[in-house]
Amino acid sequence: MRPRGLPPLLVVLLSCWASVSAQTEATPAVTTEGLNSTEAALATFGPFPSTRPHGTPRAPGSSSGPRPTPVTDVAALCVCDLSPAQCDVNCCCDPDCSSVDFSVFSACSVPVVMGDSQFCSQKAVIYSLNFTANPPQRVFKLVEQISPSIFCIHITNYKPALSFINPEVPDENNFDTLMKTSDGFTLNAESDISFTTKLDIPTTAKYKYGVPLQTSDSFLRFPSSLTSSLCTDNNPAAFLVNQAVRCTRKINLEQCEEIEALSMAFYSSPEILRAPDSRTKVPITVQSVLIQSLNKTLTRREDTDVLQPALVNAGHFHLCMNVVLEVKYSLTYTDRGEVTKADLSFLLGTVSSVVVPLQQKFEIHFLQENTKPVPLSGNPGYVVGLPLAAGFQPHKMSGIIQTTNRYRQFTILHSTAEQDCLALEGVRTPVLFGYTMQSGCKLRLTGALPCRLVAQKVKNLLWGQGFPDYVAPFGNLQAQDVLDWVPIHFITQSFNRKDSCQLPGALVIEVKWTKYGSLLNPQAKIVNVTANLISSSFPEASSGNERTILISTAVTFVDVSAPAEAGFRAPPAINARLPFNFFFPFV
């Protein structure tokens, strides 16, 4: 019988709570530890408020059903004991700590150590410090902790779930059975037969910007100069970082055949991993070999065989032939961050004792797969009608990142016949040098749209996706020349009104350029770019009214060239002196 008016589920929950409350009335064992003494004491914890009616049976203890054996004894477990044979600060369970150490403790960093919290009843250890004692002592309490949740594990009746299933080892009896359940097997030279469900598990790793390119033994070495002009061979080549460096190498001409950095094999022998920690290797293919003679003439070899430096005696001095002077890497990658192809070009020359120390040049460029190169916007100055070269810098000390499509590097809002702003998201038009442009659309405001949501939508519409941070001053500027790029100055103007909705209304871009170089062939150079976002305040539309506002974008080019002044070379000054007796005997 249950009390009248109580539903069955409520009675069950009250019974479970009464069982939990009844079990918390146990008296734990308390141990107070000092330096060389151990005392046993009793402490009584205040029980939970009991709601168990008179006559309700208590919940069964841990002995009423099968319980898993704990793997680790919580009384001997100390998770903050990190230093062997040394006391860790505020680690009350550290056995290496003494009463002298307890005197400098502020509190226990791990006050409670317990097992699996999913069980209804489990052992728990509570650590505390008794600062009233002299010297201070550590208080150790081993209690039976009851889970307050009614959804807990009380009886474990599925023993296989408590441990991992031991794999079946193949032998001559079960080999055929295992072959039917697996996809196959592979043979490894370093070990015995190893069975796997897949021969090559696909990896999700990929190269990211600035990550060193891995090879079969370490990483792809790209010599460069660090603190001095001398070449350092331990510099790694970074993914998507185009570089072109020159450095000097001090060599002993008589030992040129033994110096690895002068040989073609040092640069062509490594194999690049397709992706980080991948099994697929991409060999480096030699595409061209140019031979430079002592009089600077170039000859292209028909074959691409690897040549070794050779020391030749030419009379009273020595010559070293087939020495690497220039190395150019060209790596092809996919949009998934994988290297698919590696090409290499060499410039070999003959070195004499006159040109020691030797100067070498190294270049590396990355090309995206299935993309066609686009023409430059000028060489060097911009050409009217070609798009601006722009990009962004992800972090300091890194290169400029540009999209391969130059017509998508610096774009503005594109105008259509519908003039609907919500339908123009993602539709952009490139900014062309020398062309003053203006575009816009109409946005319909209703009272159902929050002002903040509309403002963010309009701002994304004006800036677009990936608005650049830098603009190239010349049309052929390289991405690694970070200091030469012109930063875009962002300005925000707003006009606030009370009880109004502030929305971005216009984006005004001003590009200042100048004529650079000779009067006969001046080159257009960008010197300053300003992006001004203008916001206006509009009265918030009511639920039944609608308002239409105009969103616009304008680009202007301003010529800030100084007046050209023709310069002429100064006439030469004749400083001729006659001998002192030139007019003798007349004077």
Protein backbone atom coordinates (compact mmCIF):
# COMPACT_ATOMS: atom_id res chain seq x y z
CA MET A 1 0.00 0.00 0.00
CA ARG A 2 1.18 3.51 -0.76
CA PRO A 3 -0.03 6.81 0.60
CA ARG A 4 -3.11 8.03 -1.17
CA GLY A 5 -2.51 10.64 -3.85
CA LEU A 6 1.15 9.78 -4.60
CA PRO A 7 1.96 8.37 -8.05
CA PRO A 8 3.95 5.11 -8.28
CA LEU A 9 7.09 6.80 -9.76
CA LEU A 10 7.34 9.27 -6.88
CA VAL A 11 7.16 6.45 -4.33
CA VAL A 12 10.02 4.64 -6.10
CA LEU A 13 12.19 7.78 -6.11
CA LEU A 14 11.52 8.40 -2.42
CA SER A 15 12.51 4.84 -1.64
CA CYS A 16 15.79 5.21 -3.57
CA TRP A 17 16.57 8.45 -1.75
CA ALA A 18 15.85 6.83 1.55
CA SER A 19 18.24 4.00 0.67
CA VAL A 20 20.98 6.46 -0.22
CA SER A 21 20.42 8.44 2.96
CA ALA A 22 20.51 5.36 5.11
CA GLN A 23 23.89 4.31 3.76
CA THR A 24 25.51 7.68 4.48
CA GLU A 25 25.10 7.15 8.22
CA ALA A 26 28.23 5.02 8.34
CA THR A 27 31.15 6.05 10.52
CA PRO A 28 34.43 6.27 8.59
CA ALA A 29 37.87 5.40 9.89
CA VAL A 30 40.15 8.39 10.42
CA THR A 31 43.92 8.23 10.68
CA THR A 32 46.05 11.17 11.74
CA GLU A 33 49.66 10.92 10.62
CA GLY A 34 52.63 12.81 11.93
CA LEU A 35 56.32 12.39 11.34
CA ASN A 36 56.84 9.06 13.10
CA SER A 37 53.48 8.32 14.68
CA THR A 38 50.13 7.03 13.53
CA GLU A 39 46.98 7.44 15.55
CA ALA A 40 43.53 5.99 15.08
CA ALA A 41 40.54 8.16 15.80
CA LEU A 42 36.87 8.26 15.00
CA ALA A 43 35.03 11.07 13.28
CA THR A 44 31.35 11.28 12.64
CA PHE A 45 30.03 13.02 9.56
CA GLY A 46 26.62 14.62 9.58
CA PRO A 47 24.21 12.39 7.67
CA PHE A 48 22.04 13.54 4.83
CA PRO A 49 18.48 14.46 5.89
CA SER A 50 16.73 11.11 6.04
CA THR A 51 13.32 10.79 4.42
CA ARG A 52 13.04 7.03 4.93
CA PRO A 53 9.72 6.17 6.59
CA HIS A 54 9.63 3.86 9.55
CA GLY A 55 9.87 0.27 8.45
CA THR A 56 11.46 0.86 5.07
CA PRO A 57 14.33 -1.60 4.51
CA ARG A 58 17.84 -0.29 3.93
CA ALA A 59 19.56 -0.62 0.59
CA PRO A 60 21.66 -3.76 0.30
CA GLY A 61 25.38 -3.39 0.81
CA SER A 62 28.19 -4.19 -1.54
CA SER A 63 28.10 -7.84 -0.58
CA SER A 64 24.60 -8.43 -1.96
CA GLY A 65 25.68 -8.67 -5.59
CA PRO A 66 28.78 -9.22 -7.76
CA ARG A 67 31.03 -6.15 -7.73
CA PRO A 68 34.18 -5.66 -9.83
CA THR A 69 37.48 -5.84 -8.03
CA PRO A 70 39.16 -2.39 -8.05
CA VAL A 71 42.26 -2.31 -10.22
CA THR A 72 43.93 0.31 -8.00
CA ASP A 73 43.61 0.70 -4.26
CA VAL A 74 42.51 4.29 -3.68
CA ALA A 75 44.20 4.28 -0.28
CA ALA A 76 47.57 3.72 -1.95
CA LEU A 77 46.91 6.00 -4.92
CA CYS A 78 48.52 9.47 -5.00
CA VAL A 79 47.93 11.36 -8.23
CA CYS A 80 49.94 14.45 -7.21
CA ASP A 81 53.13 12.56 -6.32
CA LEU A 82 55.19 13.59 -9.33
CA SER A 83 58.73 13.73 -7.93
CA PRO A 84 60.32 10.46 -6.83
CA ALA A 85 61.95 10.45 -3.38
CA GLN A 86 60.98 14.11 -2.95
CA CYS A 87 58.06 15.89 -1.32
CA ASP A 88 55.68 17.66 -3.71
CA VAL A 89 54.24 20.94 -2.47
CA ASN A 90 50.63 20.72 -1.20
CA CYS A 91 50.50 16.99 -2.02
CA CYS A 92 49.02 15.60 1.19
CA CYS A 93 49.17 11.97 0.03
CA ASP A 94 52.87 12.06 -0.85
CA PRO A 95 54.62 9.48 1.41
CA ASP A 96 57.89 11.44 1.13
CA CYS A 97 56.43 14.44 2.99
CA SER A 98 57.07 14.94 6.72
CA SER A 99 55.63 17.20 9.41
CA VAL A 100 58.26 19.80 8.56
CA ASP A 101 56.92 19.85 5.02
CA PHE A 102 53.30 20.05 6.26
CA SER A 103 54.10 23.28 8.10
CA VAL A 104 54.63 25.10 4.78
CA PHE A 105 51.55 23.61 3.07
CA SER A 106 48.60 25.92 2.42
CA ALA A 107 46.03 23.25 1.51
CA CYS A 108 45.78 19.84 -0.09
CA SER A 109 45.96 20.10 -3.88
CA VAL A 110 44.04 16.79 -4.23
CA PRO A 111 41.71 16.55 -1.20
CA VAL A 112 39.64 13.56 -2.43
CA VAL A 113 40.80 10.42 -4.25
CA MET A 114 38.07 8.11 -5.49
CA GLY A 115 37.42 5.42 -8.05
CA ASP A 116 34.70 5.18 -10.67
CA SER A 117 31.92 7.65 -9.91
CA GLN A 118 29.35 5.59 -11.82
CA PHE A 119 29.00 3.07 -8.97
CA CYS A 120 26.41 3.61 -6.28
CA SER A 121 28.89 2.78 -3.53
CA GLN A 122 32.66 3.09 -3.69
CA LYS A 123 35.73 3.68 -1.56
CA ALA A 124 37.05 7.24 -1.27
CA VAL A 125 40.01 8.79 0.55
CA ILE A 126 39.79 12.28 2.01
CA TYR A 127 43.00 14.15 2.86
CA SER A 128 43.26 17.23 5.07
CA LEU A 129 45.75 19.01 7.32
CA ASN A 130 45.54 19.62 11.05
CA PHE A 131 47.37 22.89 11.63
CA THR A 132 46.35 23.04 15.32
CA ALA A 133 48.70 20.19 16.15
CA ASN A 134 52.37 20.86 16.77
CA PRO A 135 53.92 19.80 14.48
CA PRO A 136 51.14 19.89 11.80
CA GLN A 137 49.70 16.51 10.94
CA ARG A 138 48.06 14.91 7.95
CA VAL A 139 44.50 13.56 8.40
CA PHE A 140 43.63 10.47 6.35
CA LYS A 141 40.00 9.32 6.09
CA LEU A 142 38.84 6.19 4.26
CA VAL A 143 35.09 6.40 3.72
CA GLU A 144 32.39 4.58 1.80
CA GLN A 145 31.03 7.22 -0.53
CA ILE A 146 27.47 6.94 -1.79
CA SER A 147 26.51 8.36 -5.16
CA PRO A 148 23.62 10.88 -4.87
CA SER A 149 22.34 9.95 -8.32
CA ILE A 150 19.59 7.35 -8.66
CA PHE A 151 21.06 6.32 -12.03
CA CYS A 152 24.14 4.46 -10.83
CA ILE A 153 25.60 0.97 -11.13
CA HIS A 154 24.66 -1.19 -8.14
CA ILE A 155 25.25 -4.72 -9.48
CA THR A 156 27.65 -5.64 -12.28
CA ASN A 157 26.38 -8.77 -13.97
CA TYR A 158 28.21 -8.51 -17.31
CA LYS A 159 31.80 -9.43 -16.58
CA PRO A 160 33.20 -9.16 -20.18
CA ALA A 161 32.44 -5.42 -20.10
CA LEU A 162 34.98 -4.92 -17.34
CA SER A 163 38.02 -5.71 -19.51
CA PHE A 164 39.17 -5.76 -23.11
CA ILE A 165 38.69 -8.91 -25.12
CA ASN A 166 41.94 -10.74 -25.77
CA PRO A 167 42.59 -10.96 -29.53
CA GLU A 168 42.78 -14.37 -31.07
CA VAL A 169 46.34 -15.27 -32.05
CA PRO A 170 46.52 -16.91 -35.50
CA ASP A 171 47.91 -20.40 -35.68
CA GLU A 172 47.65 -23.38 -37.99
CA ASN A 173 44.20 -24.31 -36.68
CA ASN A 174 42.35 -20.97 -36.98
CA PHE A 175 44.27 -19.45 -39.91
CA ASP A 176 41.56 -20.14 -42.50
CA THR A 177 38.86 -18.74 -40.24
CA LEU A 178 40.75 -15.50 -39.62
CA MET A 179 41.45 -15.10 -43.33
CA LYS A 180 37.72 -15.10 -44.07
CA THR A 181 37.01 -12.40 -41.49
CA SER A 182 39.89 -10.06 -42.52
CA ASP A 183 40.72 -8.30 -45.78
CA GLY A 184 44.17 -9.80 -46.06
CA PHE A 185 47.65 -9.72 -44.60
CA THR A 186 50.97 -8.05 -45.30
CA LEU A 187 54.54 -9.24 -44.97
CA ASN A 188 57.01 -6.98 -43.17
CA ALA A 189 60.74 -7.46 -43.46
CA GLU A 190 61.40 -6.22 -39.95
CA SER A 191 58.89 -8.48 -38.21
CA ASP A 192 56.89 -11.63 -38.75
CA ILE A 193 53.51 -11.84 -40.47
CA SER A 194 51.28 -8.99 -39.36
CA PHE A 195 47.58 -9.04 -40.06
CA THR A 196 45.68 -5.82 -40.69
CA THR A 197 42.20 -5.00 -41.82
CA LYS A 198 43.54 -2.53 -44.41
CA LEU A 199 46.81 -2.55 -46.28
CA ASP A 200 47.22 1.22 -46.19
CA ILE A 201 45.19 3.14 -43.67
CA PRO A 202 44.47 6.61 -45.07
CA THR A 203 45.90 9.40 -43.00
CA THR A 204 44.14 12.65 -42.23
CA ALA A 205 47.39 14.54 -41.66
CA LYS A 206 48.22 17.34 -44.08
CA TYR A 207 50.82 20.02 -44.48
CA LYS A 208 49.91 23.46 -43.17
CA TYR A 209 51.45 26.81 -43.92
CA GLY A 210 54.93 27.10 -42.45
CA VAL A 211 55.24 23.42 -41.45
CA PRO A 212 58.65 21.88 -42.38
CA LEU A 213 58.53 19.41 -45.25
CA GLN A 214 59.31 15.91 -44.01
CA THR A 215 61.54 13.44 -45.82
CA SER A 216 62.22 9.76 -45.32
CA ASP A 217 65.00 10.49 -42.81
CA SER A 218 64.31 13.98 -41.39
CA PHE A 219 63.22 17.11 -43.31
CA LEU A 220 63.97 18.82 -46.62
CA ARG A 221 67.03 20.99 -46.13
CA PHE A 222 67.04 24.46 -47.66
CA PRO A 223 70.38 26.22 -47.11
CA SER A 224 70.17 29.85 -46.09
CA SER A 225 72.09 32.50 -44.20
CA LEU A 226 71.11 33.08 -40.58
CA THR A 227 73.30 35.30 -38.40
CA SER A 228 75.93 35.85 -41.09
CA SER A 229 76.29 35.47 -44.84
CA LEU A 230 77.56 31.89 -44.46
CA CYS A 231 75.29 29.07 -45.62
CA THR A 232 73.54 26.96 -42.98
CA ASP A 233 72.41 23.55 -44.26
CA ASN A 234 70.14 22.68 -41.30
CA ASN A 235 67.43 25.18 -42.25
CA PRO A 236 64.16 23.32 -43.10
CA ALA A 237 62.04 24.16 -46.14
CA ALA A 238 58.58 25.32 -45.01
CA PHE A 239 55.34 24.44 -46.80
CA LEU A 240 53.93 27.22 -49.02
CA VAL A 241 56.81 29.57 -48.12
CA ASN A 242 58.45 30.74 -51.36
CA GLN A 243 62.06 31.68 -50.77
CA ALA A 244 65.04 32.94 -52.76
CA VAL A 245 68.29 33.37 -50.84
CA ARG A 246 71.98 33.82 -51.52
CA CYS A 247 74.69 32.73 -49.12
CA THR A 248 78.44 32.23 -49.06
CA ARG A 249 80.26 28.98 -48.42
CA LYS A 250 83.91 28.75 -47.42
CA ILE A 251 85.52 25.75 -49.08
CA ASN A 252 88.90 24.18 -49.45
CA LEU A 253 89.31 23.75 -53.20
CA GLU A 254 91.49 20.68 -52.82
CA GLN A 255 88.68 18.94 -50.87
CA CYS A 256 85.79 19.99 -53.11
CA GLU A 257 85.05 16.36 -54.06
CA GLU A 258 84.33 15.53 -50.41
CA ILE A 259 81.98 18.47 -49.64
CA GLU A 260 78.37 17.28 -49.86
CA ALA A 261 76.87 20.76 -50.36
CA LEU A 262 78.71 21.07 -53.69
CA SER A 263 77.25 17.86 -55.11
CA MET A 264 73.95 17.39 -56.97
CA ALA A 265 73.17 14.26 -54.95
CA PHE A 266 72.92 16.29 -51.74
CA TYR A 267 69.82 18.07 -53.08
CA SER A 268 68.26 15.39 -55.34
CA SER A 269 68.59 12.26 -53.17
CA PRO A 270 65.99 13.02 -50.41
CA GLU A 271 62.44 11.75 -50.83
CA ILE A 272 59.66 14.04 -49.61
CA LEU A 273 56.73 12.54 -47.73
CA ARG A 274 53.42 13.17 -49.48
CA ALA A 275 51.88 14.19 -46.13
CA PRO A 276 53.26 14.35 -42.59
CA ASP A 277 54.02 10.85 -41.26
CA SER A 278 52.82 9.31 -44.53
CA ARG A 279 54.12 6.12 -46.09
CA THR A 280 53.98 7.55 -49.60
CA LYS A 281 57.23 9.14 -50.74
CA VAL A 282 57.63 11.67 -53.55
CA PRO A 283 61.04 11.48 -55.27
CA ILE A 284 62.81 14.64 -56.41
CA THR A 285 63.16 14.68 -60.19
CA VAL A 286 65.97 16.61 -61.87
CA GLN A 287 64.41 18.56 -64.76
CA SER A 288 67.34 20.56 -66.14
CA VAL A 289 71.08 20.98 -65.68
CA LEU A 290 72.92 24.08 -66.92
CA ILE A 291 76.72 24.25 -67.11
CA GLN A 292 78.43 27.60 -66.63
CA SER A 293 81.97 27.98 -67.85
CA LEU A 294 84.66 30.28 -66.49
CA ASN A 295 83.73 32.98 -69.03
CA LYS A 296 80.05 32.87 -67.84
CA THR A 297 78.65 31.09 -70.91
CA LEU A 298 75.77 28.68 -70.28
CA THR A 299 75.27 25.25 -71.84
CA ARG A 300 72.27 23.02 -71.28
CA ARG A 301 72.94 19.32 -70.82
CA GLU A 302 70.75 16.92 -72.74
CA ASP A 303 70.69 14.38 -69.92
CA THR A 304 69.94 14.94 -66.25
CA ASP A 305 72.37 12.46 -64.74
CA VAL A 306 73.79 13.29 -61.34
CA LEU A 307 77.34 14.66 -61.66
CA GLN A 308 79.94 14.67 -58.95
CA PRO A 309 82.46 17.48 -58.35
CA ALA A 310 85.82 16.74 -59.95
CA LEU A 311 89.17 18.34 -59.09
CA VAL A 312 91.35 19.16 -62.13
CA ASN A 313 94.92 20.42 -62.13
CA ALA A 314 95.43 23.20 -64.68
CA GLY A 315 99.08 24.15 -64.55
CA HIS A 316 99.91 26.09 -61.41
CA PHE A 317 96.34 26.26 -60.05
CA HIS A 318 93.43 23.90 -59.39
CA LEU A 319 89.92 23.82 -60.84
CA CYS A 320 86.86 22.12 -59.41
CA MET A 321 84.23 21.21 -62.01
CA ASN A 322 80.49 20.36 -61.66
CA VAL A 323 80.08 22.49 -58.54
CA VAL A 324 76.50 23.43 -57.62
CA LEU A 325 76.00 27.20 -57.99
CA GLU A 326 72.19 27.48 -58.07
CA VAL A 327 69.38 25.17 -56.93
CA LYS A 328 65.71 25.71 -57.77
CA TYR A 329 62.95 23.59 -56.22
CA SER A 330 59.46 23.52 -57.74
CA LEU A 331 56.94 21.63 -55.59
CA THR A 332 53.38 20.83 -56.67
CA TYR A 333 50.73 20.47 -53.97
CA THR A 334 47.00 19.80 -53.76
CA ASP A 335 44.28 21.71 -51.95
CA ARG A 336 44.31 18.91 -49.34
CA GLY A 337 47.83 19.92 -48.23
CA GLU A 338 49.71 17.06 -49.93
CA VAL A 339 52.87 17.23 -52.03
CA THR A 340 52.44 15.36 -55.32
CA LYS A 341 55.48 16.36 -57.36
CA ALA A 342 58.98 17.73 -56.74
CA ASP A 343 61.12 19.14 -59.57
CA LEU A 344 64.69 20.36 -59.33
CA SER A 345 66.91 22.50 -61.59
CA PHE A 346 70.66 22.96 -61.25
CA LEU A 347 73.26 25.45 -62.38
CA LEU A 348 76.71 23.89 -62.27
CA GLY A 349 79.98 25.71 -62.75
CA THR A 350 83.71 25.53 -62.51
CA VAL A 351 85.36 27.05 -59.46
CA SER A 352 88.94 28.22 -59.33
CA SER A 353 91.03 29.44 -56.44
CA VAL A 354 90.21 32.99 -57.46
CA VAL A 355 86.47 32.78 -56.58
CA VAL A 356 86.85 31.06 -53.20
CA PRO A 357 84.75 31.60 -50.98
CA LEU A 358 81.85 30.39 -53.13
CA GLN A 359 78.46 32.11 -53.44
CA GLN A 360 75.39 29.90 -53.97
CA LYS A 361 71.74 30.71 -54.72
CA PHE A 362 68.72 28.65 -53.59
CA GLU A 363 65.08 29.06 -54.59
CA ILE A 364 61.91 27.14 -53.76
CA HIS A 365 58.44 27.74 -55.20
CA PHE A 366 55.10 26.04 -54.63
CA LEU A 367 52.52 25.49 -57.37
CA GLN A 368 48.99 24.29 -56.76
CA GLU A 369 47.84 21.30 -58.75
CA ASN A 370 45.38 21.78 -61.65
CA THR A 371 45.78 25.55 -61.69
CA LYS A 372 46.97 27.76 -64.50
CA PRO A 373 49.33 30.67 -63.86
CA VAL A 374 47.77 34.08 -64.34
CA PRO A 375 49.60 37.05 -65.85
CA LEU A 376 51.10 39.64 -63.59
CA SER A 377 49.42 42.99 -63.07
CA GLY A 378 52.56 44.72 -64.30
CA ASN A 379 56.30 44.35 -64.56
CA PRO A 380 57.15 46.16 -62.41
CA GLY A 381 54.54 48.94 -62.37
CA TYR A 382 50.78 48.37 -62.57
CA VAL A 383 49.04 48.39 -65.92
CA VAL A 384 45.69 50.14 -66.19
CA GLY A 385 42.85 47.64 -66.26
CA LEU A 386 44.64 44.78 -64.48
CA PRO A 387 43.60 43.69 -60.96
CA LEU A 388 45.40 44.75 -57.81
CA ALA A 389 47.68 42.17 -56.21
CA ALA A 390 46.67 41.75 -52.56
CA GLY A 391 46.89 39.25 -49.72
CA PHE A 392 46.92 38.84 -45.96
CA GLN A 393 49.51 37.92 -43.36
CA PRO A 394 48.34 35.22 -40.91
CA HIS A 395 50.90 36.16 -38.25
CA LYS A 396 54.02 38.24 -37.87
CA MET A 397 57.29 37.06 -39.42
CA SER A 398 55.36 35.09 -42.06
CA GLY A 399 54.94 35.66 -45.77
CA ILE A 400 51.96 37.11 -47.59
CA ILE A 401 49.29 34.56 -48.56
CA GLN A 402 47.56 35.13 -51.89
CA THR A 403 44.93 33.21 -53.79
CA THR A 404 46.06 31.74 -57.09
CA ASN A 405 43.28 33.60 -58.90
CA ARG A 406 44.52 37.19 -59.02
CA TYR A 407 41.07 38.44 -59.94
CA ARG A 408 39.81 37.28 -56.51
CA GLN A 409 42.50 38.91 -54.34
CA PHE A 410 40.96 42.38 -53.96
CA THR A 411 37.23 42.52 -54.67
CA ILE A 412 34.21 44.68 -53.92
CA LEU A 413 30.45 44.23 -54.01
CA HIS A 414 29.07 43.43 -57.46
CA SER A 415 25.99 45.22 -58.78
CA THR A 416 23.19 43.37 -60.51
CA ALA A 417 19.91 44.34 -62.11
CA GLU A 418 17.88 43.01 -59.17
CA GLN A 419 19.68 45.28 -56.65
CA ASP A 420 18.93 42.78 -53.87
CA CYS A 421 21.62 42.75 -51.17
CA LEU A 422 20.57 39.42 -49.68
CA ALA A 423 21.02 37.72 -53.06
CA LEU A 424 24.48 39.22 -53.69
CA GLU A 425 26.43 37.51 -50.92
CA GLY A 426 29.50 35.93 -52.48
CA VAL A 427 29.14 37.77 -55.81
CA ARG A 428 32.19 40.03 -56.13
CA THR A 429 33.99 42.03 -58.79
CA PRO A 430 37.76 42.68 -58.84
CA VAL A 431 39.30 46.10 -58.23
CA LEU A 432 41.11 47.11 -61.43
CA PHE A 433 43.97 49.55 -61.36
CA GLY A 434 43.10 53.04 -62.58
CA TYR A 435 39.34 52.36 -62.77
CA THR A 436 37.11 54.41 -60.49
CA MET A 437 34.30 52.02 -59.55
CA GLN A 438 31.01 52.22 -57.69
CA SER A 439 28.53 49.47 -56.88
CA GLY A 440 25.59 49.02 -54.57
CA CYS A 441 22.38 47.23 -53.68
CA LYS A 442 19.17 47.77 -51.76
CA LEU A 443 18.31 46.23 -48.40
CA ARG A 444 14.74 45.95 -47.16
CA LEU A 445 14.36 46.28 -43.38
CA THR A 446 11.43 44.91 -41.41
CA GLY A 447 10.65 44.94 -37.74
CA ALA A 448 11.04 41.15 -37.53
CA LEU A 449 14.82 41.34 -38.15
CA PRO A 450 17.06 42.27 -35.19
CA CYS A 451 19.27 45.28 -35.78
CA ARG A 452 22.46 43.52 -34.67
CA LEU A 453 21.86 40.62 -37.06
CA VAL A 454 21.25 42.96 -39.99
CA ALA A 455 24.37 45.00 -39.17
CA GLN A 456 26.59 41.89 -39.17
CA LYS A 457 25.02 40.73 -42.42
CA VAL A 458 25.67 44.05 -44.14
CA LYS A 459 29.24 44.18 -42.83
CA ASN A 460 29.98 40.71 -44.22
CA LEU A 461 28.43 41.81 -47.50
CA LEU A 462 30.68 44.86 -47.79
CA TRP A 463 33.95 43.23 -46.72
CA GLY A 464 33.35 39.92 -48.43
CA GLN A 465 35.17 36.72 -47.55
CA GLY A 466 38.85 37.21 -46.82
CA PHE A 467 39.28 40.95 -47.29
CA PRO A 468 43.05 41.56 -47.74
CA ASP A 469 45.36 43.30 -45.30
CA TYR A 470 48.13 44.23 -47.73
CA VAL A 471 48.40 45.46 -51.32
CA ALA A 472 51.46 45.01 -53.52
CA PRO A 473 53.05 48.35 -54.54
CA PHE A 474 54.13 46.84 -57.87
CA GLY A 475 52.39 44.31 -60.04
CA ASN A 476 55.22 41.76 -59.90
CA LEU A 477 56.07 41.88 -56.20
CA GLN A 478 56.86 38.51 -54.61
CA ALA A 479 55.00 37.27 -51.52
CA GLN A 480 58.18 36.75 -49.47
CA ASP A 481 59.11 40.47 -49.67
CA VAL A 482 56.84 41.31 -46.74
CA LEU A 483 58.45 44.65 -45.88
CA ASP A 484 57.70 46.05 -49.35
CA TRP A 485 53.95 45.44 -49.19
CA VAL A 486 51.62 48.36 -48.47
CA PRO A 487 49.27 47.83 -45.48
CA ILE A 488 45.62 48.77 -45.83
CA HIS A 489 44.51 51.38 -43.30
CA PHE A 490 41.02 50.66 -41.94
CA ILE A 491 38.85 53.56 -40.74
CA THR A 492 35.37 53.33 -39.21
CA GLN A 493 33.00 56.29 -39.10
CA SER A 494 29.64 56.20 -37.32
CA PHE A 495 26.87 58.66 -36.53
CA ASN A 496 24.94 57.69 -33.42
CA ARG A 497 21.37 58.67 -32.71
CA LYS A 498 19.20 57.78 -29.80
CA ASP A 499 16.67 54.94 -30.33
CA SER A 500 18.02 54.10 -33.76
CA CYS A 501 19.59 51.16 -35.57
CA GLN A 502 23.19 51.73 -36.64
CA LEU A 503 24.02 49.97 -39.92
CA PRO A 504 27.09 50.09 -42.21
CA GLY A 505 26.00 52.01 -45.28
CA ALA A 506 29.08 52.50 -47.44
CA LEU A 507 32.62 51.26 -47.96
CA VAL A 508 34.92 53.85 -49.55
CA ILE A 509 38.32 52.62 -50.76
CA GLU A 510 40.96 55.18 -51.77
CA VAL A 511 44.12 54.06 -53.57
CA LYS A 512 46.97 56.56 -53.86
CA TRP A 513 49.61 55.90 -56.48
CA THR A 514 52.59 57.68 -57.95
CA LYS A 515 54.77 57.55 -61.02
CA TYR A 516 58.08 55.94 -60.22
CA GLY A 517 61.27 55.77 -62.21
CA SER A 518 62.39 57.42 -65.42
CA LEU A 519 60.44 60.14 -67.24
CA LEU A 520 60.65 58.13 -70.45
CA ASN A 521 59.04 55.03 -68.95
CA PRO A 522 57.40 55.80 -65.58
CA GLN A 523 56.03 52.89 -63.55
CA ALA A 524 52.81 53.06 -61.52
CA LYS A 525 53.45 52.38 -57.85
CA ILE A 526 50.82 52.20 -55.08
CA VAL A 527 51.89 54.10 -51.97
CA ASN A 528 48.76 54.12 -49.75
CA VAL A 529 45.41 52.31 -49.48
CA THR A 530 42.58 53.37 -47.15
CA ALA A 531 39.32 51.49 -46.50
CA ASN A 532 36.68 53.67 -44.81
CA LEU A 533 33.56 51.95 -43.44
CA ILE A 534 30.78 54.52 -42.91
CA SER A 535 27.85 53.62 -40.65
CA SER A 536 24.58 55.55 -40.37
CA SER A 537 21.71 55.50 -37.91
CA PHE A 538 18.24 54.53 -39.10
CA PRO A 539 15.01 54.55 -37.12
CA GLU A 540 14.02 51.04 -36.15
CA ALA A 541 11.11 49.80 -38.25
CA SER A 542 7.96 48.73 -36.47
CA SER A 543 6.37 45.34 -36.94
CA GLY A 544 4.14 46.52 -39.75
CA ASN A 545 6.41 49.01 -41.55
CA GLU A 546 9.24 48.40 -43.98
CA ARG A 547 12.21 50.57 -44.91
CA THR A 548 14.62 50.29 -47.84
CA ILE A 549 18.21 51.50 -47.48
CA LEU A 550 21.03 51.71 -50.02
CA ILE A 551 24.35 49.89 -49.50
CA SER A 552 27.20 51.15 -51.69
CA THR A 553 30.90 50.61 -52.34
CA ALA A 554 33.22 53.06 -54.08
CA VAL A 555 36.85 52.80 -55.24
CA THR A 556 38.85 55.84 -56.29
CA PHE A 557 42.43 56.15 -57.56
CA VAL A 558 44.34 59.33 -56.71
CA ASP A 559 47.56 60.30 -58.49
CA VAL A 560 49.91 61.80 -55.90
CA SER A 561 52.94 62.08 -58.19
CA ALA A 562 55.17 65.09 -57.64
CA PRO A 563 55.64 67.43 -60.62
CA ALA A 564 58.26 66.01 -62.92
CA GLU A 565 61.42 68.01 -63.18
CA ALA A 566 63.78 67.37 -66.02
CA GLY A 567 67.28 66.74 -64.77
CA PHE A 568 70.40 67.34 -66.81
CA ARG A 569 73.89 66.32 -66.09
CA ALA A 570 76.11 69.17 -65.03
CA PRO A 571 78.58 70.31 -67.70
CA PRO A 572 82.10 69.05 -67.09
CA ALA A 573 84.52 71.47 -65.49
CA ILE A 574 87.78 71.81 -67.44
CA ASN A 575 90.64 71.94 -65.02
CA ALA A 576 93.62 72.27 -67.39
CA ARG A 577 96.90 73.76 -66.23
CA LEU A 578 99.67 74.98 -68.55
CA PRO A 579 103.31 74.50 -67.67
CA PHE A 580 104.89 77.53 -66.00
CA ASN A 581 107.29 78.11 -68.95
CA PHE A 582 104.66 77.68 -71.70
CA PHE A 583 105.00 81.31 -73.01
CA PHE A 584 108.78 81.49 -72.64
CA PRO A 585 110.63 83.54 -73.99
CA PHE A 586 107.72 85.94 -74.73
CA VAL A 587 106.68 86.39 -71.15
